[in-house]
Amino acid sequence: MLRMEFTEEARKALHYERFHHPHPRVQQRMEAVLLKSHGLPHAQIASIVDIDENTLRGYLEAYKAGGLEKLTPFSQ
């Protein structure tokens, strides 16, 4: 499991973008990372967000590498 730590500010930003970003795929990415910030296991997050665990790992690695900005490209 990928270990990550989240500040309260990061959680608030993820929560905001989860509902306010104009692109639904980005909203999905934000939701997945937000759920990770609350300590849910990868299998449960993948099930809730309806994505593959490999896709989830990609989202988490992108976030870890560059924060919210890395979750906003529409390439995935």
PDB file of N, CA and C in Angstrom:
ATOM      1  N   MET A   1       0.844  -1.184   0.000  1.00  0.00           N
ATOM      2  CA  MET A   1       0.000   0.000   0.000  1.00  0.00           C
ATOM      3  C   MET A   1       0.887   1.244   0.000  1.00  0.00           C
ATOM      4  N   LEU A   2       0.502   2.215  -0.772  1.00  0.00           N
ATOM      5  CA  LEU A   2       1.228   3.467  -0.887  1.00  0.00           C
ATOM      6  C   LEU A   2       0.960   4.328   0.344  1.00  0.00           C
ATOM      7  N   ARG A   3       2.026   4.695   1.047  1.00  0.00           N
ATOM      8  CA  ARG A   3       1.879   5.530   2.247  1.00  0.00           C
ATOM      9  C   ARG A   3       1.870   7.000   1.848  1.00  0.00           C
ATOM     10  N   MET A   4       0.876   7.712   2.318  1.00  0.00           N
ATOM     11  CA  MET A   4       0.757   9.132   2.024  1.00  0.00           C
ATOM     12  C   MET A   4       0.225   9.855   3.247  1.00  0.00           C
ATOM     13  N   GLU A   5       0.642  11.101   3.399  1.00  0.00           N
ATOM     14  CA  GLU A   5       0.105  11.938   4.461  1.00  0.00           C
ATOM     15  C   GLU A   5      -0.551  13.156   3.826  1.00  0.00           C
ATOM     16  N   PHE A   6      -1.647  13.590   4.421  1.00  0.00           N
ATOM     17  CA  PHE A   6      -2.430  14.693   3.885  1.00  0.00           C
ATOM     18  C   PHE A   6      -2.636  15.747   4.961  1.00  0.00           C
ATOM     19  N   THR A   7      -2.453  16.992   4.598  1.00  0.00           N
ATOM     20  CA  THR A   7      -2.765  18.083   5.514  1.00  0.00           C
ATOM     21  C   THR A   7      -4.269  18.344   5.465  1.00  0.00           C
ATOM     22  N   GLU A   8      -4.760  19.046   6.455  1.00  0.00           N
ATOM     23  CA  GLU A   8      -6.172  19.421   6.448  1.00  0.00           C
ATOM     24  C   GLU A   8      -6.465  20.316   5.245  1.00  0.00           C
ATOM     25  N   GLU A   9      -5.535  21.171   4.900  1.00  0.00           N
ATOM     26  CA  GLU A   9      -5.700  22.042   3.724  1.00  0.00           C
ATOM     27  C   GLU A   9      -5.825  21.213   2.442  1.00  0.00           C
ATOM     28  N   ALA A  10      -5.010  20.171   2.320  1.00  0.00           N
ATOM     29  CA  ALA A  10      -5.079  19.302   1.141  1.00  0.00           C
ATOM     30  C   ALA A  10      -6.421  18.586   1.079  1.00  0.00           C
ATOM     31  N   ARG A  11      -6.900  18.116   2.213  1.00  0.00           N
ATOM     32  CA  ARG A  11      -8.210  17.452   2.245  1.00  0.00           C
ATOM     33  C   ARG A  11      -9.330  18.399   1.820  1.00  0.00           C
ATOM     34  N   LYS A  12      -9.261  19.627   2.296  1.00  0.00           N
ATOM     35  CA  LYS A  12     -10.280  20.615   1.931  1.00  0.00           C
ATOM     36  C   LYS A  12     -10.249  20.903   0.431  1.00  0.00           C
ATOM     37  N   ALA A  13      -9.051  21.015  -0.127  1.00  0.00           N
ATOM     38  CA  ALA A  13      -8.920  21.273  -1.565  1.00  0.00           C
ATOM     39  C   ALA A  13      -9.452  20.091  -2.373  1.00  0.00           C
ATOM     40  N   LEU A  14      -9.125  18.883  -1.963  1.00  0.00           N
ATOM     41  CA  LEU A  14      -9.638  17.692  -2.647  1.00  0.00           C
ATOM     42  C   LEU A  14     -11.166  17.642  -2.579  1.00  0.00           C
ATOM     43  N   HIS A  15     -11.704  17.922  -1.412  1.00  0.00           N
ATOM     44  CA  HIS A  15     -13.157  17.905  -1.232  1.00  0.00           C
ATOM     45  C   HIS A  15     -13.817  18.953  -2.131  1.00  0.00           C
ATOM     46  N   TYR A  16     -13.253  20.144  -2.172  1.00  0.00           N
ATOM     47  CA  TYR A  16     -13.821  21.198  -2.999  1.00  0.00           C
ATOM     48  C   TYR A  16     -13.810  20.791  -4.474  1.00  0.00           C
ATOM     49  N   GLU A  17     -12.645  20.355  -4.963  1.00  0.00           N
ATOM     50  CA  GLU A  17     -12.521  19.992  -6.373  1.00  0.00           C
ATOM     51  C   GLU A  17     -13.375  18.773  -6.714  1.00  0.00           C
ATOM     52  N   ARG A  18     -13.611  17.906  -5.744  1.00  0.00           N
ATOM     53  CA  ARG A  18     -14.447  16.727  -5.975  1.00  0.00           C
ATOM     54  C   ARG A  18     -15.837  17.122  -6.459  1.00  0.00           C
ATOM     55  N   PHE A  19     -16.329  18.240  -5.994  1.00  0.00           N
ATOM     56  CA  PHE A  19     -17.674  18.669  -6.356  1.00  0.00           C
ATOM     57  C   PHE A  19     -17.718  19.852  -7.323  1.00  0.00           C
ATOM     58  N   HIS A  20     -16.607  20.581  -7.465  1.00  0.00           N
ATOM     59  CA  HIS A  20     -16.655  21.816  -8.244  1.00  0.00           C
ATOM     60  C   HIS A  20     -15.835  21.819  -9.533  1.00  0.00           C
ATOM     61  N   HIS A  21     -14.967  20.862  -9.719  1.00  0.00           N
ATOM     62  CA  HIS A  21     -14.200  20.853 -10.968  1.00  0.00           C
ATOM     63  C   HIS A  21     -15.159  20.586 -12.120  1.00  0.00           C
ATOM     64  N   PRO A  22     -14.968  21.262 -13.260  1.00  0.00           N
ATOM     65  CA  PRO A  22     -15.918  21.102 -14.371  1.00  0.00           C
ATOM     66  C   PRO A  22     -15.858  19.749 -15.093  1.00  0.00           C
ATOM     67  N   HIS A  23     -14.786  19.003 -14.936  1.00  0.00           N
ATOM     68  CA  HIS A  23     -14.668  17.737 -15.659  1.00  0.00           C
ATOM     69  C   HIS A  23     -14.937  16.551 -14.724  1.00  0.00           C
ATOM     70  N   PRO A  24     -15.899  15.686 -15.073  1.00  0.00           N
ATOM     71  CA  PRO A  24     -16.260  14.572 -14.188  1.00  0.00           C
ATOM     72  C   PRO A  24     -15.114  13.591 -13.929  1.00  0.00           C
ATOM     73  N   ARG A  25     -14.211  13.408 -14.885  1.00  0.00           N
ATOM     74  CA  ARG A  25     -13.080  12.489 -14.660  1.00  0.00           C
ATOM     75  C   ARG A  25     -12.165  13.043 -13.571  1.00  0.00           C
ATOM     76  N   VAL A  26     -11.954  14.341 -13.588  1.00  0.00           N
ATOM     77  CA  VAL A  26     -11.132  14.965 -12.540  1.00  0.00           C
ATOM     78  C   VAL A  26     -11.844  14.853 -11.199  1.00  0.00           C
ATOM     79  N   GLN A  27     -13.155  15.033 -11.182  1.00  0.00           N
ATOM     80  CA  GLN A  27     -13.907  14.858  -9.940  1.00  0.00           C
ATOM     81  C   GLN A  27     -13.701  13.444  -9.392  1.00  0.00           C
ATOM     82  N   GLN A  28     -13.710  12.462 -10.278  1.00  0.00           N
ATOM     83  CA  GLN A  28     -13.501  11.070  -9.865  1.00  0.00           C
ATOM     84  C   GLN A  28     -12.111  10.890  -9.260  1.00  0.00           C
ATOM     85  N   ARG A  29     -11.110  11.469  -9.885  1.00  0.00           N
ATOM     86  CA  ARG A  29      -9.739  11.383  -9.362  1.00  0.00           C
ATOM     87  C   ARG A  29      -9.648  12.010  -7.978  1.00  0.00           C
ATOM     88  N   MET A  30     -10.275  13.182  -7.828  1.00  0.00           N
ATOM     89  CA  MET A  30     -10.256  13.874  -6.533  1.00  0.00           C
ATOM     90  C   MET A  30     -10.942  13.036  -5.464  1.00  0.00           C
ATOM     91  N   GLU A  31     -12.057  12.406  -5.820  1.00  0.00           N
ATOM     92  CA  GLU A  31     -12.762  11.566  -4.854  1.00  0.00           C
ATOM     93  C   GLU A  31     -11.896  10.396  -4.415  1.00  0.00           C
ATOM     94  N   ALA A  32     -11.217   9.766  -5.361  1.00  0.00           N
ATOM     95  CA  ALA A  32     -10.369   8.625  -5.031  1.00  0.00           C
ATOM     96  C   ALA A  32      -9.260   9.031  -4.060  1.00  0.00           C
ATOM     97  N   VAL A  33      -8.603  10.143  -4.347  1.00  0.00           N
ATOM     98  CA  VAL A  33      -7.513  10.596  -3.469  1.00  0.00           C
ATOM     99  C   VAL A  33      -8.072  11.065  -2.128  1.00  0.00           C
ATOM    100  N   LEU A  34      -9.224  11.694  -2.143  1.00  0.00           N
ATOM    101  CA  LEU A  34      -9.857  12.120  -0.892  1.00  0.00           C
ATOM    102  C   LEU A  34     -10.151  10.912  -0.014  1.00  0.00           C
ATOM    103  N   LEU A  35     -10.680   9.851  -0.591  1.00  0.00           N
ATOM    104  CA  LEU A  35     -10.959   8.642   0.186  1.00  0.00           C
ATOM    105  C   LEU A  35      -9.666   8.053   0.750  1.00  0.00           C
ATOM    106  N   LYS A  36      -8.593   8.112  -0.021  1.00  0.00           N
ATOM    107  CA  LYS A  36      -7.285   7.646   0.469  1.00  0.00           C
ATOM    108  C   LYS A  36      -6.857   8.494   1.665  1.00  0.00           C
ATOM    109  N   SER A  37      -7.140   9.794   1.606  1.00  0.00           N
ATOM    110  CA  SER A  37      -6.732  10.676   2.706  1.00  0.00           C
ATOM    111  C   SER A  37      -7.450  10.335   4.004  1.00  0.00           C
ATOM    112  N   HIS A  38      -8.576   9.634   3.902  1.00  0.00           N
ATOM    113  CA  HIS A  38      -9.328   9.211   5.084  1.00  0.00           C
ATOM    114  C   HIS A  38      -8.967   7.791   5.510  1.00  0.00           C
ATOM    115  N   GLY A  39      -7.973   7.212   4.861  1.00  0.00           N
ATOM    116  CA  GLY A  39      -7.444   5.927   5.296  1.00  0.00           C
ATOM    117  C   GLY A  39      -8.162   4.698   4.782  1.00  0.00           C
ATOM    118  N   LEU A  40      -9.020   4.832   3.803  1.00  0.00           N
ATOM    119  CA  LEU A  40      -9.713   3.658   3.270  1.00  0.00           C
ATOM    120  C   LEU A  40      -8.733   2.771   2.492  1.00  0.00           C
ATOM    121  N   PRO A  41      -8.946   1.468   2.532  1.00  0.00           N
ATOM    122  CA  PRO A  41      -8.079   0.559   1.775  1.00  0.00           C
ATOM    123  C   PRO A  41      -8.316   0.702   0.272  1.00  0.00           C
ATOM    124  N   HIS A  42      -7.274   0.403  -0.493  1.00  0.00           N
ATOM    125  CA  HIS A  42      -7.335   0.569  -1.942  1.00  0.00           C
ATOM    126  C   HIS A  42      -8.493  -0.192  -2.573  1.00  0.00           C
ATOM    127  N   ALA A  43      -8.725  -1.413  -2.157  1.00  0.00           N
ATOM    128  CA  ALA A  43      -9.808  -2.209  -2.752  1.00  0.00           C
ATOM    129  C   ALA A  43     -11.158  -1.530  -2.528  1.00  0.00           C
ATOM    130  N   GLN A  44     -11.361  -0.972  -1.362  1.00  0.00           N
ATOM    131  CA  GLN A  44     -12.624  -0.303  -1.060  1.00  0.00           C
ATOM    132  C   GLN A  44     -12.762   0.987  -1.869  1.00  0.00           C
ATOM    133  N   ILE A  45     -11.686   1.759  -1.960  1.00  0.00           N
ATOM    134  CA  ILE A  45     -11.719   2.988  -2.756  1.00  0.00           C
ATOM    135  C   ILE A  45     -12.051   2.654  -4.206  1.00  0.00           C
ATOM    136  N   ALA A  46     -11.359   1.664  -4.766  1.00  0.00           N
ATOM    137  CA  ALA A  46     -11.588   1.284  -6.157  1.00  0.00           C
ATOM    138  C   ALA A  46     -13.046   0.879  -6.375  1.00  0.00           C
ATOM    139  N   SER A  47     -13.599   0.171  -5.435  1.00  0.00           N
ATOM    140  CA  SER A  47     -14.990  -0.252  -5.540  1.00  0.00           C
ATOM    141  C   SER A  47     -15.949   0.941  -5.478  1.00  0.00           C
ATOM    142  N   ILE A  48     -15.728   1.836  -4.547  1.00  0.00           N
ATOM    143  CA  ILE A  48     -16.593   3.003  -4.382  1.00  0.00           C
ATOM    144  C   ILE A  48     -16.556   3.894  -5.624  1.00  0.00           C
ATOM    145  N   VAL A  49     -15.353   4.126  -6.137  1.00  0.00           N
ATOM    146  CA  VAL A  49     -15.177   5.050  -7.257  1.00  0.00           C
ATOM    147  C   VAL A  49     -15.396   4.350  -8.602  1.00  0.00           C
ATOM    148  N   ASP A  50     -15.488   3.022  -8.568  1.00  0.00           N
ATOM    149  CA  ASP A  50     -15.714   2.208  -9.763  1.00  0.00           C
ATOM    150  C   ASP A  50     -14.549   2.311 -10.756  1.00  0.00           C
ATOM    151  N   ILE A  51     -13.341   2.078 -10.202  1.00  0.00           N
ATOM    152  CA  ILE A  51     -12.135   2.048 -11.016  1.00  0.00           C
ATOM    153  C   ILE A  51     -11.320   0.823 -10.635  1.00  0.00           C
ATOM    154  N   ASP A  52     -10.357   0.492 -11.455  1.00  0.00           N
ATOM    155  CA  ASP A  52      -9.432  -0.593 -11.198  1.00  0.00           C
ATOM    156  C   ASP A  52      -8.394  -0.143 -10.166  1.00  0.00           C
ATOM    157  N   GLU A  53      -7.881  -1.072  -9.376  1.00  0.00           N
ATOM    158  CA  GLU A  53      -6.866  -0.701  -8.384  1.00  0.00           C
ATOM    159  C   GLU A  53      -5.606  -0.152  -9.035  1.00  0.00           C
ATOM    160  N   ASN A  54      -5.259  -0.612 -10.227  1.00  0.00           N
ATOM    161  CA  ASN A  54      -4.094  -0.059 -10.935  1.00  0.00           C
ATOM    162  C   ASN A  54      -4.338   1.401 -11.308  1.00  0.00           C
ATOM    163  N   THR A  55      -5.545   1.715 -11.716  1.00  0.00           N
ATOM    164  CA  THR A  55      -5.903   3.103 -12.019  1.00  0.00           C
ATOM    165  C   THR A  55      -5.792   3.946 -10.756  1.00  0.00           C
ATOM    166  N   LEU A  56      -6.275   3.412  -9.649  1.00  0.00           N
ATOM    167  CA  LEU A  56      -6.167   4.121  -8.376  1.00  0.00           C
ATOM    168  C   LEU A  56      -4.711   4.404  -8.036  1.00  0.00           C
ATOM    169  N   ARG A  57      -3.862   3.404  -8.175  1.00  0.00           N
ATOM    170  CA  ARG A  57      -2.436   3.617  -7.886  1.00  0.00           C
ATOM    171  C   ARG A  57      -1.862   4.724  -8.765  1.00  0.00           C
ATOM    172  N   GLY A  58      -2.283   4.759 -10.018  1.00  0.00           N
ATOM    173  CA  GLY A  58      -1.831   5.828 -10.916  1.00  0.00           C
ATOM    174  C   GLY A  58      -2.253   7.201 -10.420  1.00  0.00           C
ATOM    175  N   TYR A  59      -3.493   7.316  -9.972  1.00  0.00           N
ATOM    176  CA  TYR A  59      -3.979   8.581  -9.421  1.00  0.00           C
ATOM    177  C   TYR A  59      -3.158   8.985  -8.190  1.00  0.00           C
ATOM    178  N   LEU A  60      -2.926   8.021  -7.316  1.00  0.00           N
ATOM    179  CA  LEU A  60      -2.198   8.315  -6.078  1.00  0.00           C
ATOM    180  C   LEU A  60      -0.751   8.689  -6.354  1.00  0.00           C
ATOM    181  N   GLU A  61      -0.121   7.991  -7.283  1.00  0.00           N
ATOM    182  CA  GLU A  61       1.265   8.319  -7.635  1.00  0.00           C
ATOM    183  C   GLU A  61       1.341   9.704  -8.278  1.00  0.00           C
ATOM    184  N   ALA A  62       0.370  10.028  -9.123  1.00  0.00           N
ATOM    185  CA  ALA A  62       0.346  11.355  -9.740  1.00  0.00           C
ATOM    186  C   ALA A  62       0.183  12.430  -8.668  1.00  0.00           C
ATOM    187  N   TYR A  63      -0.732  12.209  -7.730  1.00  0.00           N
ATOM    188  CA  TYR A  63      -0.943  13.179  -6.657  1.00  0.00           C
ATOM    189  C   TYR A  63       0.312  13.333  -5.813  1.00  0.00           C
ATOM    190  N   LYS A  64       0.944  12.229  -5.498  1.00  0.00           N
ATOM    191  CA  LYS A  64       2.153  12.273  -4.673  1.00  0.00           C
ATOM    192  C   LYS A  64       3.272  13.029  -5.390  1.00  0.00           C
ATOM    193  N   ALA A  65       3.326  12.903  -6.710  1.00  0.00           N
ATOM    194  CA  ALA A  65       4.370  13.553  -7.496  1.00  0.00           C
ATOM    195  C   ALA A  65       4.136  15.046  -7.706  1.00  0.00           C
ATOM    196  N   GLY A  66       2.863  15.460  -7.711  1.00  0.00           N
ATOM    197  CA  GLY A  66       2.635  16.861  -8.033  1.00  0.00           C
ATOM    198  C   GLY A  66       1.360  17.484  -7.522  1.00  0.00           C
ATOM    199  N   GLY A  67       0.705  16.840  -6.572  1.00  0.00           N
ATOM    200  CA  GLY A  67      -0.487  17.434  -5.977  1.00  0.00           C
ATOM    201  C   GLY A  67      -1.675  17.498  -6.922  1.00  0.00           C
ATOM    202  N   LEU A  68      -2.563  18.428  -6.639  1.00  0.00           N
ATOM    203  CA  LEU A  68      -3.809  18.557  -7.403  1.00  0.00           C
ATOM    204  C   LEU A  68      -3.546  18.790  -8.889  1.00  0.00           C
ATOM    205  N   GLU A  69      -2.497  19.515  -9.204  1.00  0.00           N
ATOM    206  CA  GLU A  69      -2.211  19.845 -10.607  1.00  0.00           C
ATOM    207  C   GLU A  69      -1.988  18.589 -11.446  1.00  0.00           C
ATOM    208  N   LYS A  70      -1.442  17.544 -10.850  1.00  0.00           N
ATOM    209  CA  LYS A  70      -1.178  16.306 -11.580  1.00  0.00           C
ATOM    210  C   LYS A  70      -2.441  15.483 -11.787  1.00  0.00           C
ATOM    211  N   LEU A  71      -3.523  15.816 -11.107  1.00  0.00           N
ATOM    212  CA  LEU A  71      -4.784  15.089 -11.274  1.00  0.00           C
ATOM    213  C   LEU A  71      -5.703  15.729 -12.299  1.00  0.00           C
ATOM    214  N   THR A  72      -5.334  16.898 -12.803  1.00  0.00           N
ATOM    215  CA  THR A  72      -6.232  17.608 -13.693  1.00  0.00           C
ATOM    216  C   THR A  72      -6.054  17.338 -15.180  1.00  0.00           C
ATOM    217  N   PRO A  73      -4.954  16.759 -15.664  1.00  0.00           N
ATOM    218  CA  PRO A  73      -4.907  16.447 -17.103  1.00  0.00           C
ATOM    219  C   PRO A  73      -5.989  15.421 -17.461  1.00  0.00           C
ATOM    220  N   PHE A  74      -6.519  15.487 -18.643  1.00  0.00           N
ATOM    221  CA  PHE A  74      -7.587  14.606 -19.064  1.00  0.00           C
ATOM    222  C   PHE A  74      -7.083  13.388 -19.815  1.00  0.00           C
ATOM    223  N   SER A  75      -5.823  13.040 -19.662  1.00  0.00           N
ATOM    224  CA  SER A  75      -5.249  11.954 -20.446  1.00  0.00           C
ATOM    225  C   SER A  75      -5.609  10.569 -19.939  1.00  0.00           C
ATOM    226  N   GLN A  76      -6.076  10.431 -18.699  1.00  0.00           N
ATOM    227  CA  GLN A  76      -6.362   9.094 -18.171  1.00  0.00           C
ATOM    228  C   GLN A  76      -7.817   8.759 -18.298  1.00  0.00           C
TER     229      GLN A  76
END
